[in-house]
C-alpha atoms as a PDB file:
ATOM      1  CA  MET A   1     -21.347  -7.650 -12.075  1.00  0.00           C
ATOM      2  CA  THR A   2     -19.359  -5.980  -9.326  1.00  0.00           C
ATOM      3  CA  ARG A   3     -21.751  -6.693  -6.430  1.00  0.00           C
ATOM      4  CA  SER A   4     -20.686  -3.374  -4.924  1.00  0.00           C
ATOM      5  CA  GLU A   5     -22.277  -0.007  -5.581  1.00  0.00           C
ATOM      6  CA  ALA A   6     -18.987   1.896  -5.350  1.00  0.00           C
ATOM      7  CA  ASP A   7     -17.236  -0.536  -7.697  1.00  0.00           C
ATOM      8  CA  ALA A   8     -20.183  -0.338 -10.105  1.00  0.00           C
ATOM      9  CA  GLU A   9     -19.927   3.457 -10.181  1.00  0.00           C
ATOM     10  CA  ASP A  10     -16.180   3.220 -10.843  1.00  0.00           C
ATOM     11  CA  LEU A  11     -16.804   0.674 -13.596  1.00  0.00           C
ATOM     12  CA  VAL A  12     -19.375   2.888 -15.330  1.00  0.00           C
ATOM     13  CA  GLN A  13     -17.067   5.894 -15.058  1.00  0.00           C
ATOM     14  CA  GLU A  14     -14.144   3.922 -16.520  1.00  0.00           C
ATOM     15  CA  THR A  15     -16.447   2.694 -19.303  1.00  0.00           C
ATOM     16  CA  TYR A  16     -17.371   6.262 -20.256  1.00  0.00           C
ATOM     17  CA  ILE A  17     -13.716   7.301 -20.220  1.00  0.00           C
ATOM     18  CA  ARG A  18     -12.747   4.413 -22.507  1.00  0.00           C
ATOM     19  CA  ALA A  19     -15.724   5.048 -24.785  1.00  0.00           C
ATOM     20  CA  LEU A  20     -14.691   8.678 -25.183  1.00  0.00           C
ATOM     21  CA  ARG A  21     -11.049   7.734 -25.710  1.00  0.00           C
ATOM     22  CA  PHE A  22     -11.910   5.192 -28.407  1.00  0.00           C
ATOM     23  CA  ARG A  23     -14.986   6.900 -29.891  1.00  0.00           C
ATOM     24  CA  GLN A  24     -13.425   6.825 -33.365  1.00  0.00           C
ATOM     25  CA  GLN A  25     -13.714   3.008 -33.255  1.00  0.00           C
ATOM     26  CA  PHE A  26     -17.506   3.178 -32.934  1.00  0.00           C
ATOM     27  CA  THR A  27     -19.239   2.722 -36.269  1.00  0.00           C
ATOM     28  CA  PRO A  28     -22.161   5.138 -36.644  1.00  0.00           C
ATOM     29  CA  GLY A  29     -25.422   3.369 -37.350  1.00  0.00           C
ATOM     30  CA  THR A  30     -24.507   0.349 -35.222  1.00  0.00           C
ATOM     31  CA  ASN A  31     -25.793  -0.499 -31.768  1.00  0.00           C
ATOM     32  CA  LEU A  32     -24.341   2.009 -29.279  1.00  0.00           C
ATOM     33  CA  LYS A  33     -25.851   0.206 -26.278  1.00  0.00           C
ATOM     34  CA  ALA A  34     -24.173  -3.085 -27.207  1.00  0.00           C
ATOM     35  CA  TRP A  35     -20.863  -1.307 -27.894  1.00  0.00           C
ATOM     36  CA  LEU A  36     -20.916   0.385 -24.477  1.00  0.00           C
ATOM     37  CA  PHE A  37     -21.915  -2.840 -22.734  1.00  0.00           C
ATOM     38  CA  ARG A  38     -19.020  -4.671 -24.425  1.00  0.00           C
ATOM     39  CA  ILE A  39     -16.611  -1.971 -23.179  1.00  0.00           C
ATOM     40  CA  LEU A  40     -18.118  -2.280 -19.690  1.00  0.00           C
ATOM     41  CA  THR A  41     -17.782  -6.077 -19.718  1.00  0.00           C
ATOM     42  CA  ASN A  42     -14.187  -5.987 -20.964  1.00  0.00           C
ATOM     43  CA  THR A  43     -13.274  -3.325 -18.401  1.00  0.00           C
ATOM     44  CA  PHE A  44     -14.774  -5.441 -15.624  1.00  0.00           C
ATOM     45  CA  ILE A  45     -12.909  -8.552 -16.771  1.00  0.00           C
ATOM     46  CA  ASN A  46      -9.610  -6.661 -17.031  1.00  0.00           C
ATOM     47  CA  SER A  47      -9.949  -5.106 -13.578  1.00  0.00           C
ATOM     48  CA  TYR A  48     -10.984  -8.448 -12.070  1.00  0.00           C
ATOM     49  CA  ARG A  49      -7.914 -10.143 -13.533  1.00  0.00           C
ATOM     50  CA  LYS A  50      -5.691  -7.323 -12.345  1.00  0.00           C
ATOM     51  CA  ARG A  51      -7.104  -7.500  -8.798  1.00  0.00           C
ATOM     52  CA  SER A  52      -6.846 -11.275  -8.627  1.00  0.00           C
ATOM     53  CA  ARG A  53      -3.147 -11.129  -9.523  1.00  0.00           C
ATOM     54  CA  ALA A  54      -2.308  -8.384  -7.031  1.00  0.00           C
ATOM     55  CA  PRO A  55      -1.712  -9.385  -3.411  1.00  0.00           C
ATOM     56  CA  GLU A  56      -3.931  -7.767  -0.803  1.00  0.00           C
ATOM     57  CA  THR A  57      -1.927  -5.245   1.184  1.00  0.00           C
ATOM     58  CA  THR A  58      -2.621  -2.916   4.053  1.00  0.00           C
ATOM     59  CA  GLU A  59      -0.696  -0.232   5.839  1.00  0.00           C
ATOM     60  CA  LEU A  60       0.590  -1.250   9.238  1.00  0.00           C
ATOM     61  CA  ASP A  61      -0.794   1.980  10.717  1.00  0.00           C
ATOM     62  CA  ASP A  62      -4.294   1.009   9.539  1.00  0.00           C
ATOM     63  CA  VAL A  63      -4.335  -2.204  11.557  1.00  0.00           C
ATOM     64  CA  ASP A  64      -5.511  -2.139  15.142  1.00  0.00           C
ATOM     65  CA  GLU A  65      -6.316  -4.961  17.512  1.00  0.00           C
ATOM     66  CA  PHE A  66     -10.050  -4.941  16.750  1.00  0.00           C
ATOM     67  CA  SER A  67      -9.928  -4.619  12.958  1.00  0.00           C
ATOM     68  CA  LEU A  68     -10.239  -8.351  12.329  1.00  0.00           C
ATOM     69  CA  TYR A  69     -13.197  -8.556  14.713  1.00  0.00           C
ATOM     70  CA  ARG A  70     -14.945  -5.609  13.017  1.00  0.00           C
ATOM     71  CA  ARG A  71     -14.279  -7.049   9.587  1.00  0.00           C
ATOM     72  CA  MET A  72     -15.704 -10.436  10.530  1.00  0.00           C
ATOM     73  CA  SER A  73     -18.763  -9.009  12.273  1.00  0.00           C
ATOM     74  CA  SER A  74     -19.559  -6.580   9.436  1.00  0.00           C
ATOM     75  CA  ASN A  75     -19.534  -9.389   6.850  1.00  0.00           C
ATOM     76  CA  GLY A  76     -22.534 -11.032   8.435  1.00  0.00           C
ATOM     77  CA  THR A  77     -24.636  -7.958   9.102  1.00  0.00           C
ATOM     78  CA  SER A  78     -24.324  -5.699   6.079  1.00  0.00           C
ATOM     79  CA  ALA A  79     -24.067  -8.234   3.286  1.00  0.00           C
ATOM     80  CA  SER A  80     -27.293  -7.131   1.629  1.00  0.00           C
ATOM     81  CA  SER A  81     -26.429  -3.425   1.615  1.00  0.00           C
ATOM     82  CA  ALA A  82     -22.999  -4.162   0.125  1.00  0.00           C
ATOM     83  CA  ASP A  83     -24.593  -6.082  -2.752  1.00  0.00           C
ATOM     84  CA  PRO A  84     -26.775  -3.742  -4.828  1.00  0.00           C
ATOM     85  CA  GLU A  85     -27.514  -6.419  -7.451  1.00  0.00           C
ATOM     86  CA  ARG A  86     -28.954  -8.697  -4.771  1.00  0.00           C
ATOM     87  CA  GLU A  87     -30.827  -5.759  -3.197  1.00  0.00           C
ATOM     88  CA  PHE A  88     -32.361  -4.869  -6.573  1.00  0.00           C
ATOM     89  CA  LEU A  89     -33.423  -8.449  -7.272  1.00  0.00           C
ATOM     90  CA  ASP A  90     -34.890  -8.762  -3.774  1.00  0.00           C
ATOM     91  CA  GLY A  91     -37.055  -5.755  -4.520  1.00  0.00           C
ATOM     92  CA  ILE A  92     -38.607  -7.187  -7.665  1.00  0.00           C
ATOM     93  CA  VAL A  93     -38.543 -10.949  -7.291  1.00  0.00           C
ATOM     94  CA  SER A  94     -38.864 -13.496  -4.550  1.00  0.00           C
ATOM     95  CA  THR A  95     -35.919 -15.155  -2.888  1.00  0.00           C
ATOM     96  CA  GLU A  96     -36.636 -18.368  -4.769  1.00  0.00           C
ATOM     97  CA  VAL A  97     -36.340 -16.654  -8.146  1.00  0.00           C
ATOM     98  CA  THR A  98     -33.155 -14.893  -7.055  1.00  0.00           C
ATOM     99  CA  ASP A  99     -31.679 -18.173  -5.822  1.00  0.00           C
ATOM    100  CA  ALA A 100     -32.630 -19.883  -9.088  1.00  0.00           C
ATOM    101  CA  LEU A 101     -30.981 -17.076 -11.095  1.00  0.00           C
ATOM    102  CA  GLU A 102     -27.836 -17.270  -8.992  1.00  0.00           C
ATOM    103  CA  ALA A 103     -27.720 -21.056  -9.467  1.00  0.00           C
ATOM    104  CA  LEU A 104     -27.599 -20.620 -13.245  1.00  0.00           C
ATOM    105  CA  PRO A 105     -24.121 -20.992 -14.759  1.00  0.00           C
ATOM    106  CA  GLU A 106     -22.659 -17.559 -15.569  1.00  0.00           C
ATOM    107  CA  LYS A 107     -23.014 -17.794 -19.372  1.00  0.00           C
ATOM    108  CA  PHE A 108     -26.731 -18.632 -19.084  1.00  0.00           C
ATOM    109  CA  ARG A 109     -27.387 -16.078 -16.309  1.00  0.00           C
ATOM    110  CA  THR A 110     -25.800 -13.237 -18.288  1.00  0.00           C
ATOM    111  CA  THR A 111     -27.822 -14.112 -21.385  1.00  0.00           C
ATOM    112  CA  VAL A 112     -31.100 -14.417 -19.441  1.00  0.00           C
ATOM    113  CA  LEU A 113     -30.522 -11.146 -17.560  1.00  0.00           C
ATOM    114  CA  LEU A 114     -29.756  -9.272 -20.794  1.00  0.00           C
ATOM    115  CA  ASP A 115     -32.985 -10.687 -22.251  1.00  0.00           C
ATOM    116  CA  VAL A 116     -34.921  -9.556 -19.172  1.00  0.00           C
ATOM    117  CA  GLU A 117     -33.360  -6.098 -19.567  1.00  0.00           C
ATOM    118  CA  GLY A 118     -34.941  -5.877 -23.019  1.00  0.00           C
ATOM    119  CA  PHE A 119     -31.948  -6.555 -25.253  1.00  0.00           C
ATOM    120  CA  SER A 120     -32.828  -8.198 -28.577  1.00  0.00           C
ATOM    121  CA  TYR A 121     -31.200 -11.476 -29.646  1.00  0.00           C
ATOM    122  CA  LYS A 122     -28.969  -9.510 -32.010  1.00  0.00           C
ATOM    123  CA  GLU A 123     -27.951  -7.048 -29.277  1.00  0.00           C
ATOM    124  CA  ILE A 124     -27.175  -9.878 -26.854  1.00  0.00           C
ATOM    125  CA  ALA A 125     -25.097 -11.611 -29.533  1.00  0.00           C
ATOM    126  CA  GLU A 126     -23.137  -8.420 -30.231  1.00  0.00           C
ATOM    127  CA  THR A 127     -22.700  -7.653 -26.544  1.00  0.00           C
ATOM    128  CA  LEU A 128     -21.422 -11.110 -25.622  1.00  0.00           C
ATOM    129  CA  ALA A 129     -19.594 -11.626 -28.942  1.00  0.00           C
ATOM    130  CA  ILE A 130     -21.394 -14.908 -29.650  1.00  0.00           C
ATOM    131  CA  PRO A 131     -23.574 -16.094 -32.560  1.00  0.00           C
ATOM    132  CA  ILE A 132     -27.343 -15.489 -32.418  1.00  0.00           C
ATOM    133  CA  GLY A 133     -27.907 -19.253 -32.423  1.00  0.00           C
ATOM    134  CA  THR A 134     -25.856 -19.508 -29.232  1.00  0.00           C
ATOM    135  CA  VAL A 135     -27.962 -16.734 -27.678  1.00  0.00           C
ATOM    136  CA  MET A 136     -31.152 -18.629 -28.510  1.00  0.00           C
ATOM    137  CA  SER A 137     -29.703 -21.876 -27.171  1.00  0.00           C
ATOM    138  CA  ARG A 138     -28.507 -20.279 -23.918  1.00  0.00           C
ATOM    139  CA  LEU A 139     -31.850 -18.543 -23.425  1.00  0.00           C
ATOM    140  CA  HIS A 140     -33.728 -21.788 -24.007  1.00  0.00           C
ATOM    141  CA  ARG A 141     -31.511 -23.723 -21.607  1.00  0.00           C
ATOM    142  CA  GLY A 142     -31.504 -20.932 -19.029  1.00  0.00           C
ATOM    143  CA  ARG A 143     -35.290 -20.600 -19.112  1.00  0.00           C
ATOM    144  CA  LYS A 144     -35.705 -24.387 -18.942  1.00  0.00           C
ATOM    145  CA  PHE A 145     -33.394 -24.516 -15.913  1.00  0.00           C
ATOM    146  CA  LEU A 146     -35.353 -21.729 -14.192  1.00  0.00           C
ATOM    147  CA  GLN A 147     -38.659 -23.408 -15.048  1.00  0.00           C
ATOM    148  CA  GLN A 148     -37.542 -26.721 -13.536  1.00  0.00           C
ATOM    149  CA  ARG A 149     -36.022 -25.067 -10.472  1.00  0.00           C
ATOM    150  CA  LEU A 150     -39.080 -22.929  -9.776  1.00  0.00           C
ATOM    151  CA  TYR A 151     -41.484 -25.799 -10.477  1.00  0.00           C
ATOM    152  CA  GLU A 152     -39.818 -27.762  -7.672  1.00  0.00           C
ATOM    153  CA  VAL A 153     -40.305 -24.802  -5.310  1.00  0.00           C
ATOM    154  CA  ALA A 154     -43.959 -24.426  -6.358  1.00  0.00           C
ATOM    155  CA  LYS A 155     -44.534 -28.150  -5.911  1.00  0.00           C
ATOM    156  CA  GLU A 156     -43.040 -28.060  -2.392  1.00  0.00           C
ATOM    157  CA  ARG A 157     -45.381 -25.208  -1.461  1.00  0.00           C
ATOM    158  CA  GLY A 158     -48.427 -26.884  -2.959  1.00  0.00           C
ATOM    159  CA  ILE A 159     -48.821 -24.178  -5.595  1.00  0.00           C
ATOM    160  CA  ALA A 160     -48.242 -26.501  -8.567  1.00  0.00           C
ATOM    161  CA  ALA A 161     -49.767 -29.890  -9.136  1.00  0.00           C
ATOM    162  CA  VAL A 162     -47.456 -32.856  -9.376  1.00  0.00           C
ATOM    163  CA  ARG A 163     -46.878 -33.694 -13.050  1.00  0.00           C
ATOM    164  CA  THR A 164     -47.649 -37.154 -14.328  1.00  0.00           C
ATOM    165  CA  SER A 165     -45.265 -39.002 -16.633  1.00  0.00           C
ATOM    166  CA  THR A 166     -47.401 -38.162 -19.715  1.00  0.00           C
ATOM    167  CA  GLU A 167     -47.306 -34.426 -18.900  1.00  0.00           C
ATOM    168  CA  ARG A 168     -43.491 -34.468 -18.592  1.00  0.00           C
ATOM    169  CA  ALA A 169     -43.121 -35.975 -22.059  1.00  0.00           C
ATOM    170  CA  LYS A 170     -44.630 -32.850 -23.653  1.00  0.00           C
END
């Protein structure tokens, strides 16, 4: 979510603090993993909104004549190390799969990634606060999108045969 290891650590820490603070609101016998993930998601959304409203400031003493140059040059060179989610995906899947996942609209990507992480339909529904039918629909559409996107890549590389019109109707 955060695309930064340090921010992810802060987010997890804040999630644990909130979970401890509001532990009396957890109903024993329900899904703890989904409850914690909901807290994490809400915390991320709240901090994102707070950051987007706040203007970016810097101390005048922190600015030197080469800071803009360093900032611009570091953006191009260390982008992969600053993005642990991308680094993780690069380690387990090809660039094409990663690109296809990133091209998915957010609501489908989140649902598909939770499914890949092993969450059940019920857990995904609880985590995202949506009906199970919506989970199934988003998973179907997300998988279909990935299938079409990756089929095009396979076809370009000669890995997959070109489908005929009768095969597409199936």
